Amino acid sequence: MKVENIKDTTKFFQVIDECKGKVELVTGEGDRLNLKSKLSQYVSLANIFSDGTIKELELVAYEPEDIDRLLNFMINQ
């Protein structure tokens, strides 16, 4: 799933931490980073945005409830 214009990155990573299964960030090169890892979160933050907003990410979530959780965040942010 593609997510766009994430303004509250703290809340976004809080939602990721609440996910039951694995949530991965797909990089432009096709690599997948486990976003439940704090190190991966810091690396992705450093590489993705500079003005406090994440413009676009491609995520893979494996559990249906996690997909719902992420969609709910995107709708209500």
C-alpha atoms as a PDB file:
ATOM      1  CA  MET A   1       0.000   0.000   0.000  1.00  0.00           C
ATOM      2  CA  LYS A   2       1.160   3.517  -0.680  1.00  0.00           C
ATOM      3  CA  VAL A   3       0.770   6.099   2.044  1.00  0.00           C
ATOM      4  CA  GLU A   4       1.200   9.799   1.419  1.00  0.00           C
ATOM      5  CA  ASN A   5       1.601  13.115   3.220  1.00  0.00           C
ATOM      6  CA  ILE A   6       2.223  11.835   6.734  1.00  0.00           C
ATOM      7  CA  LYS A   7       2.431  14.953   8.855  1.00  0.00           C
ATOM      8  CA  ASP A   8       2.586  13.383  12.338  1.00  0.00           C
ATOM      9  CA  THR A   9       5.521  10.986  12.070  1.00  0.00           C
ATOM     10  CA  THR A  10       5.490  10.281  15.817  1.00  0.00           C
ATOM     11  CA  LYS A  11       1.892   9.042  15.620  1.00  0.00           C
ATOM     12  CA  PHE A  12       2.669   7.134  12.417  1.00  0.00           C
ATOM     13  CA  PHE A  13       5.455   5.135  14.074  1.00  0.00           C
ATOM     14  CA  GLN A  14       3.261   4.659  17.150  1.00  0.00           C
ATOM     15  CA  VAL A  15       0.659   3.030  14.880  1.00  0.00           C
ATOM     16  CA  ILE A  16       3.413   0.866  13.331  1.00  0.00           C
ATOM     17  CA  ASP A  17       4.491  -0.233  16.834  1.00  0.00           C
ATOM     18  CA  GLU A  18       0.891  -1.234  17.626  1.00  0.00           C
ATOM     19  CA  CYS A  19       0.724  -3.574  14.619  1.00  0.00           C
ATOM     20  CA  LYS A  20       0.676  -7.271  15.482  1.00  0.00           C
ATOM     21  CA  GLY A  21       2.558  -8.529  12.437  1.00  0.00           C
ATOM     22  CA  LYS A  22       5.462  -7.413  10.325  1.00  0.00           C
ATOM     23  CA  VAL A  23       5.243  -4.045   8.555  1.00  0.00           C
ATOM     24  CA  GLU A  24       7.865  -3.355   5.917  1.00  0.00           C
ATOM     25  CA  LEU A  25       8.969  -0.258   4.044  1.00  0.00           C
ATOM     26  CA  VAL A  26       9.726  -0.966   0.388  1.00  0.00           C
ATOM     27  CA  THR A  27      12.632   1.180  -0.796  1.00  0.00           C
ATOM     28  CA  GLY A  28      13.026   2.544  -4.312  1.00  0.00           C
ATOM     29  CA  GLU A  29      15.504  -0.271  -4.985  1.00  0.00           C
ATOM     30  CA  GLY A  30      12.976  -2.908  -3.887  1.00  0.00           C
ATOM     31  CA  ASP A  31      14.612  -3.650  -0.531  1.00  0.00           C
ATOM     32  CA  ARG A  32      12.326  -4.187   2.439  1.00  0.00           C
ATOM     33  CA  LEU A  33      13.025  -2.689   5.849  1.00  0.00           C
ATOM     34  CA  ASN A  34      11.234  -3.908   8.960  1.00  0.00           C
ATOM     35  CA  LEU A  35       9.559  -0.760  10.311  1.00  0.00           C
ATOM     36  CA  LYS A  36       8.970  -2.353  13.695  1.00  0.00           C
ATOM     37  CA  SER A  37      12.732  -2.059  14.239  1.00  0.00           C
ATOM     38  CA  LYS A  38      13.672   1.251  15.869  1.00  0.00           C
ATOM     39  CA  LEU A  39      16.892   1.350  13.844  1.00  0.00           C
ATOM     40  CA  SER A  40      14.937   0.999  10.592  1.00  0.00           C
ATOM     41  CA  GLN A  41      12.560   3.730  11.755  1.00  0.00           C
ATOM     42  CA  TYR A  42      15.442   6.139  12.346  1.00  0.00           C
ATOM     43  CA  VAL A  43      17.099   5.267   9.038  1.00  0.00           C
ATOM     44  CA  SER A  44      13.849   5.711   7.129  1.00  0.00           C
ATOM     45  CA  LEU A  45      13.187   9.039   8.839  1.00  0.00           C
ATOM     46  CA  ALA A  46      16.629  10.319   7.928  1.00  0.00           C
ATOM     47  CA  ASN A  47      16.303   9.257   4.307  1.00  0.00           C
ATOM     48  CA  ILE A  48      12.673  10.068   3.575  1.00  0.00           C
ATOM     49  CA  PHE A  49      11.901  13.546   4.760  1.00  0.00           C
ATOM     50  CA  SER A  50      13.582  16.817   5.509  1.00  0.00           C
ATOM     51  CA  ASP A  51      10.684  19.206   6.159  1.00  0.00           C
ATOM     52  CA  GLY A  52       8.798  17.181   8.807  1.00  0.00           C
ATOM     53  CA  THR A  53       6.434  15.507   6.333  1.00  0.00           C
ATOM     54  CA  ILE A  54       6.767  12.083   4.764  1.00  0.00           C
ATOM     55  CA  LYS A  55       5.624  12.636   1.162  1.00  0.00           C
ATOM     56  CA  GLU A  56       5.169   9.004   0.093  1.00  0.00           C
ATOM     57  CA  LEU A  57       5.965   5.516   1.349  1.00  0.00           C
ATOM     58  CA  GLU A  58       5.237   2.058   0.079  1.00  0.00           C
ATOM     59  CA  LEU A  59       4.381  -0.294   2.924  1.00  0.00           C
ATOM     60  CA  VAL A  60       3.664  -4.003   3.124  1.00  0.00           C
ATOM     61  CA  ALA A  61       1.592  -5.220   6.076  1.00  0.00           C
ATOM     62  CA  TYR A  62       0.823  -8.919   6.385  1.00  0.00           C
ATOM     63  CA  GLU A  63      -2.012  -8.996   8.927  1.00  0.00           C
ATOM     64  CA  PRO A  64      -5.492  -7.774   7.882  1.00  0.00           C
ATOM     65  CA  GLU A  65      -5.962  -5.988  11.213  1.00  0.00           C
ATOM     66  CA  ASP A  66      -2.669  -4.140  10.667  1.00  0.00           C
ATOM     67  CA  ILE A  67      -3.791  -3.022   7.209  1.00  0.00           C
ATOM     68  CA  ASP A  68      -7.019  -1.725   8.761  1.00  0.00           C
ATOM     69  CA  ARG A  69      -5.037   0.053  11.496  1.00  0.00           C
ATOM     70  CA  LEU A  70      -2.795   1.782   8.934  1.00  0.00           C
ATOM     71  CA  LEU A  71      -5.706   2.747   6.688  1.00  0.00           C
ATOM     72  CA  ASN A  72      -7.555   4.170   9.684  1.00  0.00           C
ATOM     73  CA  PHE A  73      -4.500   6.263  10.573  1.00  0.00           C
ATOM     74  CA  MET A  74      -4.252   7.616   7.022  1.00  0.00           C
ATOM     75  CA  ILE A  75      -7.956   8.491   6.900  1.00  0.00           C
ATOM     76  CA  ASN A  76      -7.979  10.205  10.301  1.00  0.00           C
ATOM     77  CA  GLN A  77      -4.583  11.939  10.420  1.00  0.00           C
END
